[in-house]
Amino acid sequence: MSRGIERRVIRLERDRHFDPPTAILADRPVTEEEAAEALANWRELVFSGRAAISGIALCLTCERDMTEEEWLAECAPDAAARSAG
């Protein structure tokens, strides 16, 4: 193996992420219980394609496509204000 390729492989191996995620990023609201369960079962979620790892965060994706009305009801910036008032 050439020295250049060997250095690249060493750098890639060094930068690989082996620690479990400690934070959650999601494209939808996530309860504390759901977050705890996701962090406990992160390998299964990543393997099945329902999540990805980005640094220390487990990135959850929506399991289904939401309609525009559902998105507005759950994810819009002012949805919390509308539901509170």
PDB file of N, CA and C in Angstrom:
ATOM      1  N   MET A   1       0.854  -1.165   0.000  1.00  0.00           N
ATOM      2  CA  MET A   1       0.000   0.000   0.000  1.00  0.00           C
ATOM      3  C   MET A   1       0.904   1.233   0.000  1.00  0.00           C
ATOM      4  N   SER A   2       0.537   2.214  -0.800  1.00  0.00           N
ATOM      5  CA  SER A   2       1.356   3.428  -0.855  1.00  0.00           C
ATOM      6  C   SER A   2       1.217   4.217   0.447  1.00  0.00           C
ATOM      7  N   ARG A   3       2.216   5.025   0.736  1.00  0.00           N
ATOM      8  CA  ARG A   3       2.216   5.803   1.980  1.00  0.00           C
ATOM      9  C   ARG A   3       1.046   6.788   2.016  1.00  0.00           C
ATOM     10  N   GLY A   4       0.704   7.378   0.856  1.00  0.00           N
ATOM     11  CA  GLY A   4      -0.420   8.326   0.819  1.00  0.00           C
ATOM     12  C   GLY A   4      -1.734   7.665   1.183  1.00  0.00           C
ATOM     13  N   ILE A   5      -1.970   6.491   0.624  1.00  0.00           N
ATOM     14  CA  ILE A   5      -3.208   5.762   0.926  1.00  0.00           C
ATOM     15  C   ILE A   5      -3.201   5.317   2.382  1.00  0.00           C
ATOM     16  N   GLU A   6      -2.046   4.856   2.845  1.00  0.00           N
ATOM     17  CA  GLU A   6      -1.937   4.422   4.233  1.00  0.00           C
ATOM     18  C   GLU A   6      -2.246   5.567   5.202  1.00  0.00           C
ATOM     19  N   ARG A   7      -1.745   6.758   4.909  1.00  0.00           N
ATOM     20  CA  ARG A   7      -2.035   7.927   5.763  1.00  0.00           C
ATOM     21  C   ARG A   7      -3.522   8.259   5.752  1.00  0.00           C
ATOM     22  N   ARG A   8      -4.137   8.160   4.576  1.00  0.00           N
ATOM     23  CA  ARG A   8      -5.580   8.440   4.492  1.00  0.00           C
ATOM     24  C   ARG A   8      -6.388   7.435   5.303  1.00  0.00           C
ATOM     25  N   VAL A   9      -6.019   6.155   5.194  1.00  0.00           N
ATOM     26  CA  VAL A   9      -6.734   5.121   5.951  1.00  0.00           C
ATOM     27  C   VAL A   9      -6.571   5.361   7.449  1.00  0.00           C
ATOM     28  N   ILE A  10      -5.364   5.687   7.885  1.00  0.00           N
ATOM     29  CA  ILE A  10      -5.130   5.974   9.302  1.00  0.00           C
ATOM     30  C   ILE A  10      -5.978   7.155   9.746  1.00  0.00           C
ATOM     31  N   ARG A  11      -6.042   8.213   8.941  1.00  0.00           N
ATOM     32  CA  ARG A  11      -6.832   9.396   9.290  1.00  0.00           C
ATOM     33  C   ARG A  11      -8.323   9.053   9.346  1.00  0.00           C
ATOM     34  N   LEU A  12      -8.808   8.261   8.394  1.00  0.00           N
ATOM     35  CA  LEU A  12     -10.222   7.874   8.393  1.00  0.00           C
ATOM     36  C   LEU A  12     -10.565   7.026   9.614  1.00  0.00           C
ATOM     37  N   GLU A  13      -9.707   6.086   9.946  1.00  0.00           N
ATOM     38  CA  GLU A  13      -9.939   5.248  11.119  1.00  0.00           C
ATOM     39  C   GLU A  13      -9.915   6.071  12.398  1.00  0.00           C
ATOM     40  N   ARG A  14      -9.011   7.039  12.467  1.00  0.00           N
ATOM     41  CA  ARG A  14      -8.909   7.897  13.648  1.00  0.00           C
ATOM     42  C   ARG A  14     -10.176   8.719  13.831  1.00  0.00           C
ATOM     43  N   ASP A  15     -10.761   9.185  12.724  1.00  0.00           N
ATOM     44  CA  ASP A  15     -11.913  10.080  12.790  1.00  0.00           C
ATOM     45  C   ASP A  15     -13.252   9.353  12.889  1.00  0.00           C
ATOM     46  N   ARG A  16     -13.243   8.034  12.806  1.00  0.00           N
ATOM     47  CA  ARG A  16     -14.504   7.297  12.902  1.00  0.00           C
ATOM     48  C   ARG A  16     -15.110   7.487  14.274  1.00  0.00           C
ATOM     49  N   HIS A  17     -16.422   7.478  14.311  1.00  0.00           N
ATOM     50  CA  HIS A  17     -17.160   7.723  15.555  1.00  0.00           C
ATOM     51  C   HIS A  17     -17.556   6.381  16.168  1.00  0.00           C
ATOM     52  N   PHE A  18     -17.047   6.094  17.369  1.00  0.00           N
ATOM     53  CA  PHE A  18     -17.368   4.835  18.023  1.00  0.00           C
ATOM     54  C   PHE A  18     -18.211   5.012  19.282  1.00  0.00           C
ATOM     55  N   ASP A  19     -18.272   6.200  19.832  1.00  0.00           N
ATOM     56  CA  ASP A  19     -19.029   6.437  21.050  1.00  0.00           C
ATOM     57  C   ASP A  19     -20.524   6.510  20.735  1.00  0.00           C
ATOM     58  N   PRO A  20     -21.367   6.092  21.652  1.00  0.00           N
ATOM     59  CA  PRO A  20     -22.812   6.211  21.417  1.00  0.00           C
ATOM     60  C   PRO A  20     -23.232   7.676  21.415  1.00  0.00           C
ATOM     61  N   PRO A  21     -24.296   8.002  20.700  1.00  0.00           N
ATOM     62  CA  PRO A  21     -24.770   9.392  20.667  1.00  0.00           C
ATOM     63  C   PRO A  21     -25.297   9.807  22.037  1.00  0.00           C
ATOM     64  N   THR A  22     -25.206  11.098  22.312  1.00  0.00           N
ATOM     65  CA  THR A  22     -25.679  11.622  23.594  1.00  0.00           C
ATOM     66  C   THR A  22     -26.750  12.699  23.422  1.00  0.00           C
ATOM     67  N   ALA A  23     -27.080  13.036  22.186  1.00  0.00           N
ATOM     68  CA  ALA A  23     -28.088  14.066  21.914  1.00  0.00           C
ATOM     69  C   ALA A  23     -29.015  13.581  20.809  1.00  0.00           C
ATOM     70  N   ILE A  24     -30.168  14.195  20.720  1.00  0.00           N
ATOM     71  CA  ILE A  24     -31.169  13.847  19.704  1.00  0.00           C
ATOM     72  C   ILE A  24     -31.444  15.055  18.828  1.00  0.00           C
ATOM     73  N   LEU A  25     -31.459  14.839  17.532  1.00  0.00           N
ATOM     74  CA  LEU A  25     -31.961  15.819  16.566  1.00  0.00           C
ATOM     75  C   LEU A  25     -33.097  15.135  15.821  1.00  0.00           C
ATOM     76  N   ALA A  26     -34.213  15.830  15.654  1.00  0.00           N
ATOM     77  CA  ALA A  26     -35.358  15.207  14.997  1.00  0.00           C
ATOM     78  C   ALA A  26     -36.086  16.224  14.142  1.00  0.00           C
ATOM     79  N   ASP A  27     -36.776  15.720  13.130  1.00  0.00           N
ATOM     80  CA  ASP A  27     -37.561  16.581  12.260  1.00  0.00           C
ATOM     81  C   ASP A  27     -39.019  16.630  12.706  1.00  0.00           C
ATOM     82  N   ARG A  28     -39.236  16.275  13.971  1.00  0.00           N
ATOM     83  CA  ARG A  28     -40.570  16.280  14.558  1.00  0.00           C
ATOM     84  C   ARG A  28     -40.429  16.372  16.067  1.00  0.00           C
ATOM     85  N   PRO A  29     -41.480  16.707  16.783  1.00  0.00           N
ATOM     86  CA  PRO A  29     -41.400  16.738  18.247  1.00  0.00           C
ATOM     87  C   PRO A  29     -41.125  15.337  18.801  1.00  0.00           C
ATOM     88  N   VAL A  30     -40.257  15.244  19.804  1.00  0.00           N
ATOM     89  CA  VAL A  30     -39.885  13.970  20.412  1.00  0.00           C
ATOM     90  C   VAL A  30     -40.066  14.082  21.929  1.00  0.00           C
ATOM     91  N   THR A  31     -40.778  13.120  22.512  1.00  0.00           N
ATOM     92  CA  THR A  31     -40.963  13.119  23.959  1.00  0.00           C
ATOM     93  C   THR A  31     -39.681  12.660  24.644  1.00  0.00           C
ATOM     94  N   GLU A  32     -39.570  12.925  25.929  1.00  0.00           N
ATOM     95  CA  GLU A  32     -38.386  12.497  26.682  1.00  0.00           C
ATOM     96  C   GLU A  32     -38.257  10.981  26.684  1.00  0.00           C
ATOM     97  N   GLU A  33     -39.387  10.279  26.806  1.00  0.00           N
ATOM     98  CA  GLU A  33     -39.361   8.817  26.804  1.00  0.00           C
ATOM     99  C   GLU A  33     -38.903   8.280  25.455  1.00  0.00           C
ATOM    100  N   GLU A  34     -39.410   8.876  24.375  1.00  0.00           N
ATOM    101  CA  GLU A  34     -39.020   8.463  23.035  1.00  0.00           C
ATOM    102  C   GLU A  34     -37.535   8.718  22.802  1.00  0.00           C
ATOM    103  N   ALA A  35     -37.033   9.850  23.294  1.00  0.00           N
ATOM    104  CA  ALA A  35     -35.615  10.170  23.145  1.00  0.00           C
ATOM    105  C   ALA A  35     -34.752   9.175  23.910  1.00  0.00           C
ATOM    106  N   ALA A  36     -35.141   8.845  25.131  1.00  0.00           N
ATOM    107  CA  ALA A  36     -34.381   7.883  25.932  1.00  0.00           C
ATOM    108  C   ALA A  36     -34.362   6.513  25.270  1.00  0.00           C
ATOM    109  N   GLU A  37     -35.506   6.094  24.733  1.00  0.00           N
ATOM    110  CA  GLU A  37     -35.574   4.807  24.041  1.00  0.00           C
ATOM    111  C   GLU A  37     -34.714   4.819  22.780  1.00  0.00           C
ATOM    112  N   ALA A  38     -34.739   5.923  22.045  1.00  0.00           N
ATOM    113  CA  ALA A  38     -33.936   6.029  20.825  1.00  0.00           C
ATOM    114  C   ALA A  38     -32.446   5.971  21.140  1.00  0.00           C
ATOM    115  N   LEU A  39     -32.020   6.655  22.208  1.00  0.00           N
ATOM    116  CA  LEU A  39     -30.610   6.626  22.585  1.00  0.00           C
ATOM    117  C   LEU A  39     -30.192   5.237  23.065  1.00  0.00           C
ATOM    118  N   ALA A  40     -31.104   4.521  23.697  1.00  0.00           N
ATOM    119  CA  ALA A  40     -30.788   3.168  24.160  1.00  0.00           C
ATOM    120  C   ALA A  40     -30.687   2.186  22.995  1.00  0.00           C
ATOM    121  N   ASN A  41     -31.495   2.389  21.951  1.00  0.00           N
ATOM    122  CA  ASN A  41     -31.545   1.468  20.808  1.00  0.00           C
ATOM    123  C   ASN A  41     -30.999   2.106  19.535  1.00  0.00           C
ATOM    124  N   TRP A  42     -29.995   2.973  19.655  1.00  0.00           N
ATOM    125  CA  TRP A  42     -29.517   3.749  18.518  1.00  0.00           C
ATOM    126  C   TRP A  42     -28.952   2.874  17.409  1.00  0.00           C
ATOM    127  N   ARG A  43     -28.298   1.787  17.739  1.00  0.00           N
ATOM    128  CA  ARG A  43     -27.716   0.927  16.691  1.00  0.00           C
ATOM    129  C   ARG A  43     -28.801   0.352  15.785  1.00  0.00           C
ATOM    130  N   GLU A  44     -29.886  -0.099  16.382  1.00  0.00           N
ATOM    131  CA  GLU A  44     -30.999  -0.651  15.612  1.00  0.00           C
ATOM    132  C   GLU A  44     -31.619   0.404  14.699  1.00  0.00           C
ATOM    133  N   LEU A  45     -31.782   1.625  15.217  1.00  0.00           N
ATOM    134  CA  LEU A  45     -32.366   2.702  14.421  1.00  0.00           C
ATOM    135  C   LEU A  45     -31.472   3.069  13.240  1.00  0.00           C
ATOM    136  N   VAL A  46     -30.174   3.133  13.474  1.00  0.00           N
ATOM    137  CA  VAL A  46     -29.245   3.474  12.394  1.00  0.00           C
ATOM    138  C   VAL A  46     -29.220   2.357  11.364  1.00  0.00           C
ATOM    139  N   PHE A  47     -29.164   1.108  11.821  1.00  0.00           N
ATOM    140  CA  PHE A  47     -29.109  -0.027  10.902  1.00  0.00           C
ATOM    141  C   PHE A  47     -30.356  -0.103  10.027  1.00  0.00           C
ATOM    142  N   SER A  48     -31.517   0.221  10.602  1.00  0.00           N
ATOM    143  CA  SER A  48     -32.771   0.136   9.845  1.00  0.00           C
ATOM    144  C   SER A  48     -33.003   1.354   8.949  1.00  0.00           C
ATOM    145  N   GLY A  49     -32.161   2.393   9.090  1.00  0.00           N
ATOM    146  CA  GLY A  49     -32.310   3.575   8.251  1.00  0.00           C
ATOM    147  C   GLY A  49     -33.249   4.622   8.818  1.00  0.00           C
ATOM    148  N   ARG A  50     -33.725   4.430  10.046  1.00  0.00           N
ATOM    149  CA  ARG A  50     -34.634   5.393  10.659  1.00  0.00           C
ATOM    150  C   ARG A  50     -33.898   6.509  11.382  1.00  0.00           C
ATOM    151  N   ALA A  51     -32.559   6.409  11.437  1.00  0.00           N
ATOM    152  CA  ALA A  51     -31.750   7.434  12.103  1.00  0.00           C
ATOM    153  C   ALA A  51     -30.347   7.405  11.510  1.00  0.00           C
ATOM    154  N   ALA A  52     -29.608   8.464  11.790  1.00  0.00           N
ATOM    155  CA  ALA A  52     -28.208   8.567  11.365  1.00  0.00           C
ATOM    156  C   ALA A  52     -27.421   9.211  12.491  1.00  0.00           C
ATOM    157  N   ILE A  53     -26.114   9.017  12.468  1.00  0.00           N
ATOM    158  CA  ILE A  53     -25.245   9.622  13.470  1.00  0.00           C
ATOM    159  C   ILE A  53     -24.543  10.810  12.845  1.00  0.00           C
ATOM    160  N   SER A  54     -24.556  11.919  13.550  1.00  0.00           N
ATOM    161  CA  SER A  54     -23.816  13.112  13.136  1.00  0.00           C
ATOM    162  C   SER A  54     -23.100  13.647  14.365  1.00  0.00           C
ATOM    163  N   GLY A  55     -21.814  13.337  14.469  1.00  0.00           N
ATOM    164  CA  GLY A  55     -21.064  13.736  15.656  1.00  0.00           C
ATOM    165  C   GLY A  55     -21.581  13.004  16.868  1.00  0.00           C
ATOM    166  N   ILE A  56     -22.061  13.744  17.865  1.00  0.00           N
ATOM    167  CA  ILE A  56     -22.600  13.116  19.075  1.00  0.00           C
ATOM    168  C   ILE A  56     -24.126  13.007  19.031  1.00  0.00           C
ATOM    169  N   ALA A  57     -24.735  13.411  17.924  1.00  0.00           N
ATOM    170  CA  ALA A  57     -26.202  13.451  17.841  1.00  0.00           C
ATOM    171  C   ALA A  57     -26.756  12.277  17.036  1.00  0.00           C
ATOM    172  N   LEU A  58     -27.857  11.750  17.523  1.00  0.00           N
ATOM    173  CA  LEU A  58     -28.638  10.763  16.797  1.00  0.00           C
ATOM    174  C   LEU A  58     -29.713  11.540  16.059  1.00  0.00           C
ATOM    175  N   CYS A  59     -29.678  11.503  14.742  1.00  0.00           N
ATOM    176  CA  CYS A  59     -30.617  12.274  13.916  1.00  0.00           C
ATOM    177  C   CYS A  59     -31.780  11.374  13.518  1.00  0.00           C
ATOM    178  N   LEU A  60     -32.934  11.612  14.108  1.00  0.00           N
ATOM    179  CA  LEU A  60     -34.127  10.830  13.805  1.00  0.00           C
ATOM    180  C   LEU A  60     -34.857  11.446  12.627  1.00  0.00           C
ATOM    181  N   THR A  61     -35.381  10.596  11.781  1.00  0.00           N
ATOM    182  CA  THR A  61     -36.179  11.080  10.662  1.00  0.00           C
ATOM    183  C   THR A  61     -37.608  10.614  10.848  1.00  0.00           C
ATOM    184  N   CYS A  62     -38.510  11.335  10.243  1.00  0.00           N
ATOM    185  CA  CYS A  62     -39.925  11.003  10.330  1.00  0.00           C
ATOM    186  C   CYS A  62     -40.150   9.657   9.656  1.00  0.00           C
ATOM    187  N   GLU A  63     -40.910   8.785  10.292  1.00  0.00           N
ATOM    188  CA  GLU A  63     -41.143   7.453   9.751  1.00  0.00           C
ATOM    189  C   GLU A  63     -42.130   7.467   8.590  1.00  0.00           C
ATOM    190  N   ARG A  64     -42.807   8.548   8.410  1.00  0.00           N
ATOM    191  CA  ARG A  64     -43.749   8.665   7.298  1.00  0.00           C
ATOM    192  C   ARG A  64     -43.750  10.105   6.823  1.00  0.00           C
ATOM    193  N   ASP A  65     -44.223  10.305   5.621  1.00  0.00           N
ATOM    194  CA  ASP A  65     -44.337  11.664   5.108  1.00  0.00           C
ATOM    195  C   ASP A  65     -45.557  12.328   5.738  1.00  0.00           C
ATOM    196  N   MET A  66     -45.353  13.535   6.239  1.00  0.00           N
ATOM    197  CA  MET A  66     -46.448  14.277   6.848  1.00  0.00           C
ATOM    198  C   MET A  66     -47.119  15.141   5.788  1.00  0.00           C
ATOM    199  N   THR A  67     -48.411  15.322   5.960  1.00  0.00           N
ATOM    200  CA  THR A  67     -49.113  16.248   5.084  1.00  0.00           C
ATOM    201  C   THR A  67     -48.752  17.663   5.514  1.00  0.00           C
ATOM    202  N   GLU A  68     -49.072  18.634   4.679  1.00  0.00           N
ATOM    203  CA  GLU A  68     -48.786  20.023   5.018  1.00  0.00           C
ATOM    204  C   GLU A  68     -49.513  20.440   6.291  1.00  0.00           C
ATOM    205  N   GLU A  69     -50.755  19.988   6.447  1.00  0.00           N
ATOM    206  CA  GLU A  69     -51.529  20.329   7.636  1.00  0.00           C
ATOM    207  C   GLU A  69     -50.899  19.735   8.896  1.00  0.00           C
ATOM    208  N   GLU A  70     -50.426  18.471   8.798  1.00  0.00           N
ATOM    209  CA  GLU A  70     -49.773  17.843   9.954  1.00  0.00           C
ATOM    210  C   GLU A  70     -48.485  18.579  10.305  1.00  0.00           C
ATOM    211  N   TRP A  71     -47.723  18.945   9.289  1.00  0.00           N
ATOM    212  CA  TRP A  71     -46.475  19.658   9.540  1.00  0.00           C
ATOM    213  C   TRP A  71     -46.761  20.983  10.229  1.00  0.00           C
ATOM    214  N   LEU A  72     -47.742  21.720   9.727  1.00  0.00           N
ATOM    215  CA  LEU A  72     -48.082  23.004  10.336  1.00  0.00           C
ATOM    216  C   LEU A  72     -48.544  22.818  11.775  1.00  0.00           C
ATOM    217  N   ALA A  73     -49.319  21.763  12.029  1.00  0.00           N
ATOM    218  CA  ALA A  73     -49.822  21.527  13.380  1.00  0.00           C
ATOM    219  C   ALA A  73     -48.712  21.129  14.349  1.00  0.00           C
ATOM    220  N   GLU A  74     -47.710  20.380  13.879  1.00  0.00           N
ATOM    221  CA  GLU A  74     -46.682  19.859  14.779  1.00  0.00           C
ATOM    222  C   GLU A  74     -45.372  20.624  14.775  1.00  0.00           C
ATOM    223  N   CYS A  75     -44.982  21.161  13.631  1.00  0.00           N
ATOM    224  CA  CYS A  75     -43.610  21.642  13.488  1.00  0.00           C
ATOM    225  C   CYS A  75     -43.455  23.129  13.211  1.00  0.00           C
ATOM    226  N   ALA A  76     -44.526  23.793  12.877  1.00  0.00           N
ATOM    227  CA  ALA A  76     -44.406  25.208  12.548  1.00  0.00           C
ATOM    228  C   ALA A  76     -43.905  25.982  13.764  1.00  0.00           C
ATOM    229  N   PRO A  77     -43.116  27.021  13.558  1.00  0.00           N
ATOM    230  CA  PRO A  77     -42.548  27.775  14.680  1.00  0.00           C
ATOM    231  C   PRO A  77     -43.591  28.319  15.655  1.00  0.00           C
ATOM    232  N   ASP A  78     -44.743  28.680  15.154  1.00  0.00           N
ATOM    233  CA  ASP A  78     -45.765  29.256  16.044  1.00  0.00           C
ATOM    234  C   ASP A  78     -46.783  28.202  16.492  1.00  0.00           C
ATOM    235  N   ALA A  79     -46.550  26.921  16.237  1.00  0.00           N
ATOM    236  CA  ALA A  79     -47.491  25.879  16.636  1.00  0.00           C
ATOM    237  C   ALA A  79     -47.617  25.802  18.150  1.00  0.00           C
ATOM    238  N   ALA A  80     -46.510  25.945  18.852  1.00  0.00           N
ATOM    239  CA  ALA A  80     -46.542  25.898  20.320  1.00  0.00           C
ATOM    240  C   ALA A  80     -47.356  27.065  20.866  1.00  0.00           C
ATOM    241  N   ALA A  81     -47.195  28.233  20.276  1.00  0.00           N
ATOM    242  CA  ALA A  81     -47.938  29.408  20.729  1.00  0.00           C
ATOM    243  C   ALA A  81     -49.436  29.227  20.452  1.00  0.00           C
ATOM    244  N   ARG A  82     -49.769  28.645  19.277  1.00  0.00           N
ATOM    245  CA  ARG A  82     -51.169  28.427  18.947  1.00  0.00           C
ATOM    246  C   ARG A  82     -51.808  27.427  19.885  1.00  0.00           C
ATOM    247  N   SER A  83     -51.083  26.334  20.228  1.00  0.00           N
ATOM    248  CA  SER A  83     -51.660  25.318  21.095  1.00  0.00           C
ATOM    249  C   SER A  83     -51.741  25.793  22.555  1.00  0.00           C
ATOM    250  N   ALA A  84     -50.851  26.706  22.945  1.00  0.00           N
ATOM    251  CA  ALA A  84     -50.867  27.214  24.325  1.00  0.00           C
ATOM    252  C   ALA A  84     -51.951  28.269  24.527  1.00  0.00           C
ATOM    253  N   GLY A  85     -52.310  28.978  23.470  1.00  0.00           N
ATOM    254  CA  GLY A  85     -53.244  30.084  23.654  1.00  0.00           C
ATOM    255  C   GLY A  85     -54.478  29.877  22.978  1.00  0.00           C
TER     256      GLY A  85
END
